[in-house]
């Protein structure tokens, strides 16, 4: 990412944040603007600011399972790809946050197998953390939990595909 692109991204983020200030009264418009701002910060590689914008959007649309799901996926992606560069506290924080948003998404939509699949993946990350700190009991427990969610997701997916 060269300096020119970084500058354009900053200008774009500023533009959409200004738009949000002037059109924030319209919830639908505000939600779309928050999504765009979140995407711009993600493209810039500013994960934390991107996540904050996605969370603001989720606060605005608490009943929208896709928005909640997106945050869960972002958290998983950061933990999965971040590996050992992420300290344990940050990893645990992102895992817990991701699980919270994914569980909320799953509760809002029947047979939301995509969300349940990511709950499975989050428990796999919890298992990795347990293994890192030498907690074998939790390692086993979290992998069993992940397997349970994986089977649940597969069953849900079969139901959804049968309905199509």
C-alpha atoms as a PDB file:
ATOM      1  CA  UNK A   1       0.000   0.000   0.000  1.00  0.00           C
ATOM      2  CA  UNK A   2       1.732   3.180  -1.125  1.00  0.00           C
ATOM      3  CA  UNK A   3       1.419   6.560   0.559  1.00  0.00           C
ATOM      4  CA  UNK A   4      -0.885   7.896  -2.164  1.00  0.00           C
ATOM      5  CA  UNK A   5      -3.348   5.022  -1.645  1.00  0.00           C
ATOM      6  CA  UNK A   6      -3.178   5.409   2.136  1.00  0.00           C
ATOM      7  CA  UNK A   7      -3.933   9.123   1.748  1.00  0.00           C
ATOM      8  CA  UNK A   8      -6.888   8.377  -0.555  1.00  0.00           C
ATOM      9  CA  UNK A   9      -8.226   5.832   1.948  1.00  0.00           C
ATOM     10  CA  UNK A  10      -7.980   8.407   4.734  1.00  0.00           C
ATOM     11  CA  UNK A  11      -9.769  10.964   2.583  1.00  0.00           C
ATOM     12  CA  UNK A  12     -12.464   8.415   1.708  1.00  0.00           C
ATOM     13  CA  UNK A  13     -12.981   7.496   5.358  1.00  0.00           C
ATOM     14  CA  UNK A  14     -13.230  11.195   6.247  1.00  0.00           C
ATOM     15  CA  UNK A  15     -15.720  11.794   3.423  1.00  0.00           C
ATOM     16  CA  UNK A  16     -18.012   8.964   4.562  1.00  0.00           C
ATOM     17  CA  UNK A  17     -17.697   9.966   8.224  1.00  0.00           C
ATOM     18  CA  UNK A  18     -18.791  13.498   7.224  1.00  0.00           C
ATOM     19  CA  UNK A  19     -21.685  11.981   5.234  1.00  0.00           C
ATOM     20  CA  UNK A  20     -22.676   9.987   8.309  1.00  0.00           C
ATOM     21  CA  UNK A  21     -22.730  13.156  10.419  1.00  0.00           C
ATOM     22  CA  UNK A  22     -25.067  14.843   7.941  1.00  0.00           C
ATOM     23  CA  UNK A  23     -27.292  11.808   7.177  1.00  0.00           C
ATOM     24  CA  UNK A  24     -27.075   9.959  10.503  1.00  0.00           C
ATOM     25  CA  UNK A  25     -30.766  10.547  11.206  1.00  0.00           C
ATOM     26  CA  UNK A  26     -31.728   7.996   8.555  1.00  0.00           C
ATOM     27  CA  UNK A  27     -30.952   4.570  10.104  1.00  0.00           C
ATOM     28  CA  UNK A  28     -30.796   2.753   6.758  1.00  0.00           C
ATOM     29  CA  UNK A  29     -28.378   5.310   5.315  1.00  0.00           C
ATOM     30  CA  UNK A  30     -26.355   5.364   8.542  1.00  0.00           C
ATOM     31  CA  UNK A  31     -26.010   1.571   8.456  1.00  0.00           C
ATOM     32  CA  UNK A  32     -24.776   1.597   4.850  1.00  0.00           C
ATOM     33  CA  UNK A  33     -22.297   4.393   5.575  1.00  0.00           C
ATOM     34  CA  UNK A  34     -20.980   2.555   8.655  1.00  0.00           C
ATOM     35  CA  UNK A  35     -20.437  -0.542   6.525  1.00  0.00           C
ATOM     36  CA  UNK A  36     -18.497   1.439   3.918  1.00  0.00           C
ATOM     37  CA  UNK A  37     -16.375   3.125   6.608  1.00  0.00           C
ATOM     38  CA  UNK A  38     -15.668  -0.271   8.190  1.00  0.00           C
ATOM     39  CA  UNK A  39     -14.599  -1.645   4.803  1.00  0.00           C
ATOM     40  CA  UNK A  40     -12.283   1.310   4.156  1.00  0.00           C
ATOM     41  CA  UNK A  41     -10.509   0.831   7.498  1.00  0.00           C
ATOM     42  CA  UNK A  42     -10.275  -2.932   6.847  1.00  0.00           C
ATOM     43  CA  UNK A  43      -8.666  -2.222   3.460  1.00  0.00           C
ATOM     44  CA  UNK A  44      -6.224   0.130   5.183  1.00  0.00           C
ATOM     45  CA  UNK A  45      -5.299  -2.714   7.521  1.00  0.00           C
ATOM     46  CA  UNK A  46      -6.707  -0.912  10.571  1.00  0.00           C
ATOM     47  CA  UNK A  47      -8.560  -3.883  12.054  1.00  0.00           C
ATOM     48  CA  UNK A  48      -9.506  -2.274  15.371  1.00  0.00           C
ATOM     49  CA  UNK A  49     -11.087   0.834  13.815  1.00  0.00           C
ATOM     50  CA  UNK A  50     -12.823  -1.306  11.195  1.00  0.00           C
ATOM     51  CA  UNK A  51     -14.254  -3.538  13.920  1.00  0.00           C
ATOM     52  CA  UNK A  52     -15.478  -0.495  15.880  1.00  0.00           C
ATOM     53  CA  UNK A  53     -17.450   0.697  12.837  1.00  0.00           C
ATOM     54  CA  UNK A  54     -18.958  -2.755  12.285  1.00  0.00           C
ATOM     55  CA  UNK A  55     -19.940  -2.862  15.966  1.00  0.00           C
ATOM     56  CA  UNK A  56     -21.589   0.583  15.696  1.00  0.00           C
ATOM     57  CA  UNK A  57     -23.550  -0.779  12.748  1.00  0.00           C
ATOM     58  CA  UNK A  58     -24.567  -3.851  14.783  1.00  0.00           C
ATOM     59  CA  UNK A  59     -25.717  -1.593  17.627  1.00  0.00           C
ATOM     60  CA  UNK A  60     -27.900   0.235  15.113  1.00  0.00           C
ATOM     61  CA  UNK A  61     -29.324  -2.998  13.635  1.00  0.00           C
ATOM     62  CA  UNK A  62     -29.412  -5.374  16.605  1.00  0.00           C
ATOM     63  CA  UNK A  63     -31.881  -7.717  14.873  1.00  0.00           C
ATOM     64  CA  UNK A  64     -29.907  -8.120  11.635  1.00  0.00           C
ATOM     65  CA  UNK A  65     -28.237 -11.553  11.795  1.00  0.00           C
ATOM     66  CA  UNK A  66     -25.934 -10.871   8.822  1.00  0.00           C
ATOM     67  CA  UNK A  67     -24.343  -7.860  10.494  1.00  0.00           C
ATOM     68  CA  UNK A  68     -23.764  -9.831  13.704  1.00  0.00           C
ATOM     69  CA  UNK A  69     -22.385 -12.757  11.675  1.00  0.00           C
ATOM     70  CA  UNK A  70     -19.953 -10.453   9.851  1.00  0.00           C
ATOM     71  CA  UNK A  71     -18.416  -9.317  13.145  1.00  0.00           C
ATOM     72  CA  UNK A  72     -18.030 -12.938  14.263  1.00  0.00           C
ATOM     73  CA  UNK A  73     -16.274 -13.797  11.004  1.00  0.00           C
ATOM     74  CA  UNK A  74     -13.989 -10.746  11.285  1.00  0.00           C
ATOM     75  CA  UNK A  75     -12.991 -11.784  14.810  1.00  0.00           C
ATOM     76  CA  UNK A  76     -12.318 -15.376  13.724  1.00  0.00           C
ATOM     77  CA  UNK A  77     -10.293 -14.221  10.708  1.00  0.00           C
ATOM     78  CA  UNK A  78      -8.114 -11.972  12.869  1.00  0.00           C
ATOM     79  CA  UNK A  79      -7.482 -14.718  15.444  1.00  0.00           C
ATOM     80  CA  UNK A  80      -6.922 -17.443  12.845  1.00  0.00           C
ATOM     81  CA  UNK A  81      -4.535 -15.398  10.682  1.00  0.00           C
ATOM     82  CA  UNK A  82      -3.000 -13.442  13.561  1.00  0.00           C
ATOM     83  CA  UNK A  83      -1.612 -16.577  15.181  1.00  0.00           C
ATOM     84  CA  UNK A  84       1.180 -15.954  17.614  1.00  0.00           C
ATOM     85  CA  UNK A  85       1.478 -12.276  16.687  1.00  0.00           C
ATOM     86  CA  UNK A  86      -1.672 -11.716  18.746  1.00  0.00           C
ATOM     87  CA  UNK A  87      -1.084 -11.813  22.471  1.00  0.00           C
ATOM     88  CA  UNK A  88      -3.227 -14.227  24.464  1.00  0.00           C
ATOM     89  CA  UNK A  89      -5.417 -11.527  26.020  1.00  0.00           C
ATOM     90  CA  UNK A  90      -6.252 -10.055  22.604  1.00  0.00           C
ATOM     91  CA  UNK A  91      -6.922 -13.530  21.160  1.00  0.00           C
ATOM     92  CA  UNK A  92      -9.233 -14.460  24.041  1.00  0.00           C
ATOM     93  CA  UNK A  93     -11.003 -11.103  23.789  1.00  0.00           C
ATOM     94  CA  UNK A  94     -11.618 -11.550  20.041  1.00  0.00           C
ATOM     95  CA  UNK A  95     -12.713 -15.187  20.479  1.00  0.00           C
ATOM     96  CA  UNK A  96     -15.229 -14.234  23.176  1.00  0.00           C
ATOM     97  CA  UNK A  97     -16.496 -11.261  21.171  1.00  0.00           C
ATOM     98  CA  UNK A  98     -16.799 -13.367  18.023  1.00  0.00           C
ATOM     99  CA  UNK A  99     -18.676 -16.104  19.861  1.00  0.00           C
ATOM    100  CA  UNK A 100     -21.043 -13.545  21.368  1.00  0.00           C
ATOM    101  CA  UNK A 101     -21.920 -12.045  17.959  1.00  0.00           C
ATOM    102  CA  UNK A 102     -22.165 -15.460  16.252  1.00  0.00           C
ATOM    103  CA  UNK A 103     -24.446 -16.842  18.966  1.00  0.00           C
ATOM    104  CA  UNK A 104     -26.663 -13.767  18.684  1.00  0.00           C
ATOM    105  CA  UNK A 105     -26.787 -14.153  14.875  1.00  0.00           C
ATOM    106  CA  UNK A 106     -27.627 -17.849  15.189  1.00  0.00           C
ATOM    107  CA  UNK A 107     -30.430 -17.096  17.661  1.00  0.00           C
ATOM    108  CA  UNK A 108     -32.028 -14.635  15.207  1.00  0.00           C
ATOM    109  CA  UNK A 109     -32.248 -16.947  12.200  1.00  0.00           C
ATOM    110  CA  UNK A 110     -33.450 -20.509  12.035  1.00  0.00           C
ATOM    111  CA  UNK A 111     -30.887 -23.001  10.681  1.00  0.00           C
ATOM    112  CA  UNK A 112     -28.199 -20.319  10.286  1.00  0.00           C
ATOM    113  CA  UNK A 113     -25.594 -22.966   9.533  1.00  0.00           C
ATOM    114  CA  UNK A 114     -22.989 -20.426   8.405  1.00  0.00           C
ATOM    115  CA  UNK A 115     -22.987 -18.791  11.840  1.00  0.00           C
ATOM    116  CA  UNK A 116     -22.944 -22.180  13.596  1.00  0.00           C
ATOM    117  CA  UNK A 117     -20.006 -23.259  11.392  1.00  0.00           C
ATOM    118  CA  UNK A 118     -18.041 -20.259  12.627  1.00  0.00           C
ATOM    119  CA  UNK A 119     -19.008 -21.028  16.241  1.00  0.00           C
ATOM    120  CA  UNK A 120     -17.336 -24.389  15.610  1.00  0.00           C
ATOM    121  CA  UNK A 121     -14.246 -22.621  14.232  1.00  0.00           C
ATOM    122  CA  UNK A 122     -14.149 -20.272  17.239  1.00  0.00           C
ATOM    123  CA  UNK A 123     -14.128 -23.239  19.616  1.00  0.00           C
ATOM    124  CA  UNK A 124     -11.190 -24.647  17.609  1.00  0.00           C
ATOM    125  CA  UNK A 125      -9.367 -21.361  18.291  1.00  0.00           C
ATOM    126  CA  UNK A 126     -10.261 -21.639  21.998  1.00  0.00           C
ATOM    127  CA  UNK A 127      -8.776 -25.142  21.916  1.00  0.00           C
ATOM    128  CA  UNK A 128      -5.549 -23.814  20.348  1.00  0.00           C
ATOM    129  CA  UNK A 129      -5.245 -21.213  23.116  1.00  0.00           C
ATOM    130  CA  UNK A 130      -5.827 -23.895  25.763  1.00  0.00           C
ATOM    131  CA  UNK A 131      -3.115 -26.017  24.146  1.00  0.00           C
ATOM    132  CA  UNK A 132      -0.730 -23.035  24.098  1.00  0.00           C
ATOM    133  CA  UNK A 133      -1.093 -22.509  27.831  1.00  0.00           C
ATOM    134  CA  UNK A 134      -0.828 -26.237  28.512  1.00  0.00           C
ATOM    135  CA  UNK A 135      -4.434 -26.740  29.614  1.00  0.00           C
ATOM    136  CA  UNK A 136      -5.145 -30.172  28.143  1.00  0.00           C
ATOM    137  CA  UNK A 137      -8.564 -30.565  29.794  1.00  0.00           C
ATOM    138  CA  UNK A 138      -9.838 -27.376  28.121  1.00  0.00           C
ATOM    139  CA  UNK A 139      -8.131 -28.382  24.866  1.00  0.00           C
ATOM    140  CA  UNK A 140     -10.190 -31.594  24.809  1.00  0.00           C
ATOM    141  CA  UNK A 141     -13.374 -29.872  26.033  1.00  0.00           C
ATOM    142  CA  UNK A 142     -13.235 -27.077  23.428  1.00  0.00           C
ATOM    143  CA  UNK A 143     -12.527 -29.527  20.585  1.00  0.00           C
ATOM    144  CA  UNK A 144     -15.545 -31.606  21.668  1.00  0.00           C
ATOM    145  CA  UNK A 145     -17.634 -28.422  21.750  1.00  0.00           C
ATOM    146  CA  UNK A 146     -16.380 -27.548  18.241  1.00  0.00           C
ATOM    147  CA  UNK A 147     -17.316 -31.029  16.977  1.00  0.00           C
ATOM    148  CA  UNK A 148     -20.815 -30.603  18.423  1.00  0.00           C
ATOM    149  CA  UNK A 149     -21.302 -27.298  16.576  1.00  0.00           C
ATOM    150  CA  UNK A 150     -19.815 -28.730  13.374  1.00  0.00           C
ATOM    151  CA  UNK A 151     -22.372 -31.583  13.416  1.00  0.00           C
ATOM    152  CA  UNK A 152     -25.141 -29.086  14.208  1.00  0.00           C
ATOM    153  CA  UNK A 153     -24.088 -26.886  11.264  1.00  0.00           C
ATOM    154  CA  UNK A 154     -24.041 -29.862   8.899  1.00  0.00           C
ATOM    155  CA  UNK A 155     -27.534 -30.938  10.033  1.00  0.00           C
ATOM    156  CA  UNK A 156     -28.835 -27.383   9.585  1.00  0.00           C
ATOM    157  CA  UNK A 157     -27.262 -27.157   6.140  1.00  0.00           C
ATOM    158  CA  UNK A 158     -28.993 -30.408   5.080  1.00  0.00           C
ATOM    159  CA  UNK A 159     -32.358 -28.990   6.231  1.00  0.00           C
ATOM    160  CA  UNK A 160     -31.801 -25.732   4.357  1.00  0.00           C
ATOM    161  CA  UNK A 161     -30.694 -27.516   1.173  1.00  0.00           C
ATOM    162  CA  UNK A 162     -33.714 -29.871   1.373  1.00  0.00           C
ATOM    163  CA  UNK A 163     -36.018 -26.820   1.437  1.00  0.00           C
ATOM    164  CA  UNK A 164     -34.554 -25.364  -1.764  1.00  0.00           C
END
